[in-house]
Amino acid sequence: MKEVMANSNYVIDIGPLPSLKVEGSDARFPVARIYCVGRNYADHAREMGHDPDREPPFFFMKAANSVVESGSTIAYPVGTKDVHHEIEMVVAIGKGGKNIPVEKALEHVWGYAVGLDMTRRDIQGEAKKLGRPWEMGKSFDESAPVSALRPVSAVGHPAKGAIWLKVNGEVKQQGDLAMQIWSVPEQINYLSNLITLQPGDLIFSGTPAGVGPVKAGDKLQGHVDGVGELLVNYKA
């Protein structure tokens, strides 16, 4: 991640501000906040033991500085023995707002990317069992690998097309964007009625079935039709 603005007026040095590459440009996209929608593919909801026909969308957050660029080699996370992959299409917000109507929602999108919602499943599961927040299962160092962003002018607004993840060349997750329970405009509408969206916010739009563990040395390759590919390696 490169710095996107000067830090000289701060009383402490906070280092580079989170940002992402933009395909075909030297300019970068600043990352404000990361929101993730949970269980947004029916098959994934079922594999996690839930009924997709009854639940409204819900969201959790990751720290902005958890983003990792495609092509990175990262360490296996600390404090866990059960890290899972969750491949997702990422929506980058370019114009903020609140109470955004569904029919106006796509006007707020700057572009799209491929992302991984890496999850410390054992920590998340224990927190759920105890009725505690499970933020530490989701928001940790390098838990949000994201490909270079592609602007709407280049990709339009993908609503269908293949989404898949390979681990060491073997397909582990696959689905279609059309299988989302809540569309991107509906996600933006719902979320903007809970908080005011800001330019630079990212929305991870949910994962298809097939989530599973990764281990040290694994190579992950994610893909979303028309959006791009994401590559990340875990140190052996």
Protein backbone atom coordinates (compact mmCIF):
# COMPACT_ATOMS: atom_id res chain seq x y z
CA MET A 1 0.00 0.00 0.00
CA LYS A 2 1.27 3.45 -0.90
CA GLU A 3 0.57 6.69 0.88
CA VAL A 4 -2.23 8.72 -0.72
CA MET A 5 -1.84 11.94 1.27
CA ALA A 6 0.75 13.64 3.46
CA ASN A 7 0.90 12.78 7.16
CA SER A 8 3.05 15.78 8.15
CA ASN A 9 0.33 17.46 10.22
CA TYR A 10 -0.25 14.47 12.50
CA VAL A 11 1.21 14.38 16.01
CA ILE A 12 2.38 10.80 15.41
CA ASP A 13 3.53 8.96 12.30
CA ILE A 14 0.78 6.55 11.27
CA GLY A 15 2.56 5.36 8.16
CA PRO A 16 1.00 4.90 4.72
CA LEU A 17 -2.75 5.29 4.47
CA PRO A 18 -4.62 2.27 3.04
CA SER A 19 -5.16 2.34 -0.71
CA LEU A 20 -5.51 0.02 -3.69
CA LYS A 21 -4.11 -0.09 -7.18
CA VAL A 22 -6.31 1.04 -10.06
CA GLU A 23 -5.88 -0.97 -13.23
CA GLY A 24 -4.23 1.03 -16.00
CA SER A 25 -3.47 4.04 -13.80
CA ASP A 26 -0.75 5.34 -11.51
CA ALA A 27 -3.46 6.89 -9.31
CA ARG A 28 -4.71 4.89 -6.36
CA PHE A 29 -8.06 4.36 -4.65
CA PRO A 30 -8.07 5.38 -0.96
CA VAL A 31 -9.74 2.85 1.34
CA ALA A 32 -11.98 4.42 3.99
CA ARG A 33 -13.88 1.50 5.54
CA ILE A 34 -14.60 -2.13 4.64
CA TYR A 35 -18.10 -3.56 5.03
CA CYS A 36 -18.81 -7.24 4.32
CA VAL A 37 -22.26 -8.70 3.75
CA GLY A 38 -22.75 -12.08 5.38
CA ARG A 39 -24.29 -15.20 3.83
CA ASN A 40 -25.35 -13.57 0.55
CA TYR A 41 -25.34 -16.76 -1.55
CA ALA A 42 -28.06 -19.31 -0.74
CA ASP A 43 -25.74 -22.31 -1.06
CA HIS A 44 -23.21 -20.75 1.32
CA ALA A 45 -25.95 -19.84 3.81
CA ARG A 46 -27.07 -23.47 3.80
CA GLU A 47 -23.54 -24.86 4.21
CA MET A 48 -23.18 -22.61 7.29
CA GLY A 49 -26.44 -24.00 8.72
CA HIS A 50 -28.80 -21.09 7.99
CA ASP A 51 -32.02 -20.54 6.04
CA PRO A 52 -31.37 -18.06 3.18
CA ASP A 53 -35.09 -17.44 2.65
CA ARG A 54 -35.64 -15.83 6.04
CA GLU A 55 -32.69 -13.56 6.71
CA PRO A 56 -32.35 -9.89 5.75
CA PRO A 57 -28.79 -8.84 4.91
CA PHE A 58 -26.35 -8.24 7.75
CA PHE A 59 -22.91 -6.66 7.71
CA PHE A 60 -19.63 -6.86 9.59
CA MET A 61 -16.46 -4.79 9.18
CA LYS A 62 -12.77 -5.26 8.53
CA ALA A 63 -10.09 -2.69 9.29
CA ALA A 64 -9.13 -0.62 6.24
CA ASN A 65 -5.46 -1.46 6.74
CA SER A 66 -6.18 -5.18 6.42
CA VAL A 67 -6.13 -4.85 2.60
CA VAL A 68 -3.42 -6.75 0.74
CA GLU A 69 -2.58 -6.29 -2.93
CA SER A 70 -2.74 -9.06 -5.49
CA GLY A 71 0.55 -10.86 -5.96
CA SER A 72 1.52 -10.56 -2.30
CA THR A 73 3.05 -13.30 -0.20
CA ILE A 74 1.70 -13.11 3.34
CA ALA A 75 2.22 -14.87 6.64
CA TYR A 76 -0.23 -17.40 8.03
CA PRO A 77 -2.29 -15.47 10.63
CA VAL A 78 -1.40 -15.67 14.30
CA GLY A 79 -3.75 -16.95 17.00
CA THR A 80 -5.46 -19.54 14.83
CA LYS A 81 -5.20 -23.03 13.41
CA ASP A 82 -8.19 -22.77 11.06
CA VAL A 83 -8.07 -19.98 8.47
CA HIS A 84 -10.75 -20.13 5.75
CA HIS A 85 -10.98 -18.58 2.30
CA GLU A 86 -14.08 -16.71 1.10
CA ILE A 87 -13.94 -15.35 -2.47
CA GLU A 88 -16.02 -12.23 -3.14
CA MET A 89 -16.68 -9.43 -5.61
CA VAL A 90 -15.69 -6.10 -4.06
CA VAL A 91 -17.70 -2.92 -4.69
CA ALA A 92 -15.80 0.39 -4.40
CA ILE A 93 -17.92 3.40 -3.42
CA GLY A 94 -17.02 6.64 -5.18
CA LYS A 95 -19.86 8.87 -3.99
CA GLY A 96 -21.18 8.79 -0.44
CA GLY A 97 -24.74 9.12 0.79
CA LYS A 98 -27.42 7.84 3.12
CA ASN A 99 -30.88 6.38 2.51
CA ILE A 100 -29.83 5.69 -1.09
CA PRO A 101 -32.73 4.35 -3.22
CA VAL A 102 -32.15 1.03 -4.98
CA GLU A 103 -32.70 2.65 -8.37
CA LYS A 104 -29.98 5.24 -7.65
CA ALA A 105 -27.51 2.95 -5.88
CA LEU A 106 -25.23 2.14 -8.81
CA GLU A 107 -24.59 5.87 -9.32
CA HIS A 108 -22.51 5.65 -6.11
CA VAL A 109 -20.21 2.87 -7.36
CA TRP A 110 -16.73 3.82 -8.62
CA GLY A 111 -15.60 0.35 -9.61
CA TYR A 112 -15.14 -3.32 -8.78
CA ALA A 113 -12.43 -5.76 -7.72
CA VAL A 114 -11.90 -9.36 -6.63
CA GLY A 115 -11.43 -9.90 -2.91
CA LEU A 116 -10.88 -12.54 -0.26
CA ASP A 117 -12.56 -12.36 3.13
CA MET A 118 -10.04 -14.43 5.05
CA THR A 119 -11.53 -15.75 8.27
CA ARG A 120 -10.06 -17.19 11.47
CA ARG A 121 -12.91 -19.70 11.68
CA ASP A 122 -11.94 -21.17 15.04
CA ILE A 123 -11.91 -17.72 16.67
CA GLN A 124 -15.20 -16.80 14.98
CA GLY A 125 -16.83 -20.06 15.99
CA GLU A 126 -15.80 -19.79 19.63
CA ALA A 127 -17.08 -16.19 19.81
CA LYS A 128 -20.42 -17.24 18.30
CA LYS A 129 -20.75 -20.06 20.82
CA LEU A 130 -20.16 -17.64 23.70
CA GLY A 131 -22.47 -14.98 22.28
CA ARG A 132 -19.59 -12.52 21.85
CA PRO A 133 -18.64 -10.27 18.92
CA TRP A 134 -16.64 -12.18 16.31
CA GLU A 135 -14.70 -9.25 14.89
CA MET A 136 -11.36 -10.89 15.72
CA GLY A 137 -12.36 -13.81 13.51
CA LYS A 138 -12.75 -11.47 10.54
CA SER A 139 -10.67 -8.33 11.04
CA PHE A 140 -6.97 -9.07 11.45
CA ASP A 141 -3.68 -8.32 9.71
CA GLU A 142 -3.74 -9.04 5.95
CA SER A 143 -7.26 -10.47 6.11
CA ALA A 144 -8.54 -8.66 3.00
CA PRO A 145 -6.55 -9.39 -0.18
CA VAL A 146 -7.99 -7.31 -3.05
CA SER A 147 -7.11 -7.14 -6.75
CA ALA A 148 -6.53 -3.91 -8.64
CA LEU A 149 -9.78 -1.97 -8.99
CA ARG A 150 -11.42 -1.57 -12.37
CA PRO A 151 -13.65 1.48 -12.90
CA VAL A 152 -17.28 1.24 -13.93
CA SER A 153 -16.33 2.76 -17.28
CA ALA A 154 -14.30 -0.40 -17.99
CA VAL A 155 -16.51 -3.15 -16.52
CA GLY A 156 -20.04 -1.76 -16.22
CA HIS A 157 -21.97 -3.20 -13.28
CA PRO A 158 -21.48 -6.99 -13.19
CA ALA A 159 -24.67 -8.74 -12.07
CA LYS A 160 -23.93 -12.20 -13.49
CA GLY A 161 -20.87 -14.18 -14.39
CA ALA A 162 -18.62 -16.79 -12.85
CA ILE A 163 -16.92 -16.31 -9.49
CA TRP A 164 -14.43 -18.95 -8.36
CA LEU A 165 -11.42 -19.68 -6.19
CA LYS A 166 -8.62 -22.18 -6.72
CA VAL A 167 -6.25 -23.34 -4.00
CA ASN A 168 -3.03 -24.80 -5.40
CA GLY A 169 -4.74 -25.07 -8.79
CA GLU A 170 -7.79 -26.97 -7.49
CA VAL A 171 -11.23 -25.33 -7.67
CA LYS A 172 -12.63 -24.94 -4.15
CA GLN A 173 -15.39 -22.35 -4.61
CA GLN A 174 -17.49 -21.58 -7.66
CA GLY A 175 -20.75 -19.83 -8.33
CA ASP A 176 -22.33 -17.02 -10.30
CA LEU A 177 -22.94 -13.40 -9.32
CA ALA A 178 -26.56 -13.93 -10.33
CA MET A 179 -26.89 -16.28 -7.34
CA GLN A 180 -26.61 -13.43 -4.83
CA ILE A 181 -29.60 -13.19 -2.51
CA TRP A 182 -29.24 -9.41 -2.26
CA SER A 183 -28.03 -7.57 -5.38
CA VAL A 184 -25.38 -4.86 -5.20
CA PRO A 185 -27.99 -2.05 -5.46
CA GLU A 186 -29.99 -3.68 -2.66
CA GLN A 187 -26.87 -4.03 -0.50
CA ILE A 188 -26.05 -0.34 -0.97
CA ASN A 189 -29.63 0.66 -0.22
CA TYR A 190 -29.83 -1.45 2.94
CA LEU A 191 -26.41 -0.44 4.26
CA SER A 192 -26.96 3.27 3.56
CA ASN A 193 -30.09 3.15 5.70
CA LEU A 194 -27.92 2.02 8.62
CA ILE A 195 -24.86 4.26 8.12
CA THR A 196 -23.80 7.09 5.83
CA LEU A 197 -21.64 5.62 3.08
CA GLN A 198 -18.42 7.51 2.35
CA PRO A 199 -16.24 7.77 -0.76
CA GLY A 200 -13.54 5.12 -0.41
CA ASP A 201 -15.75 2.57 1.33
CA LEU A 202 -15.52 -1.02 0.09
CA ILE A 203 -18.34 -3.55 0.18
CA PHE A 204 -17.45 -7.25 0.05
CA SER A 205 -20.59 -8.64 -1.55
CA GLY A 206 -20.68 -12.20 -0.23
CA THR A 207 -19.20 -15.61 -1.05
CA PRO A 208 -20.53 -18.75 -2.76
CA ALA A 209 -20.38 -22.21 -1.21
CA GLY A 210 -17.18 -24.15 -0.74
CA VAL A 211 -15.41 -22.10 1.92
CA GLY A 212 -12.64 -24.07 3.52
CA PRO A 213 -9.23 -24.05 5.20
CA VAL A 214 -5.91 -22.84 3.88
CA LYS A 215 -2.47 -23.71 5.22
CA ALA A 216 1.03 -22.31 5.07
CA GLY A 217 2.44 -22.62 1.56
CA ASP A 218 -0.93 -22.51 -0.21
CA LYS A 219 -1.39 -20.48 -3.40
CA LEU A 220 -4.81 -18.87 -3.88
CA GLN A 221 -6.20 -17.68 -7.21
CA GLY A 222 -9.57 -15.90 -7.32
CA HIS A 223 -11.58 -14.81 -10.34
CA VAL A 224 -14.73 -12.84 -11.15
CA ASP A 225 -15.84 -12.67 -14.78
CA GLY A 226 -15.27 -9.22 -16.25
CA VAL A 227 -13.70 -7.92 -13.04
CA GLY A 228 -10.32 -9.59 -12.83
CA GLU A 229 -8.17 -12.05 -10.94
CA LEU A 230 -6.53 -12.08 -7.54
CA LEU A 231 -3.40 -13.98 -6.58
CA VAL A 232 -2.04 -14.39 -3.05
CA ASN A 233 0.44 -16.82 -1.53
CA TYR A 234 0.87 -17.90 2.08
CA LYS A 235 4.44 -18.26 3.25
CA ALA A 236 5.56 -21.84 3.68
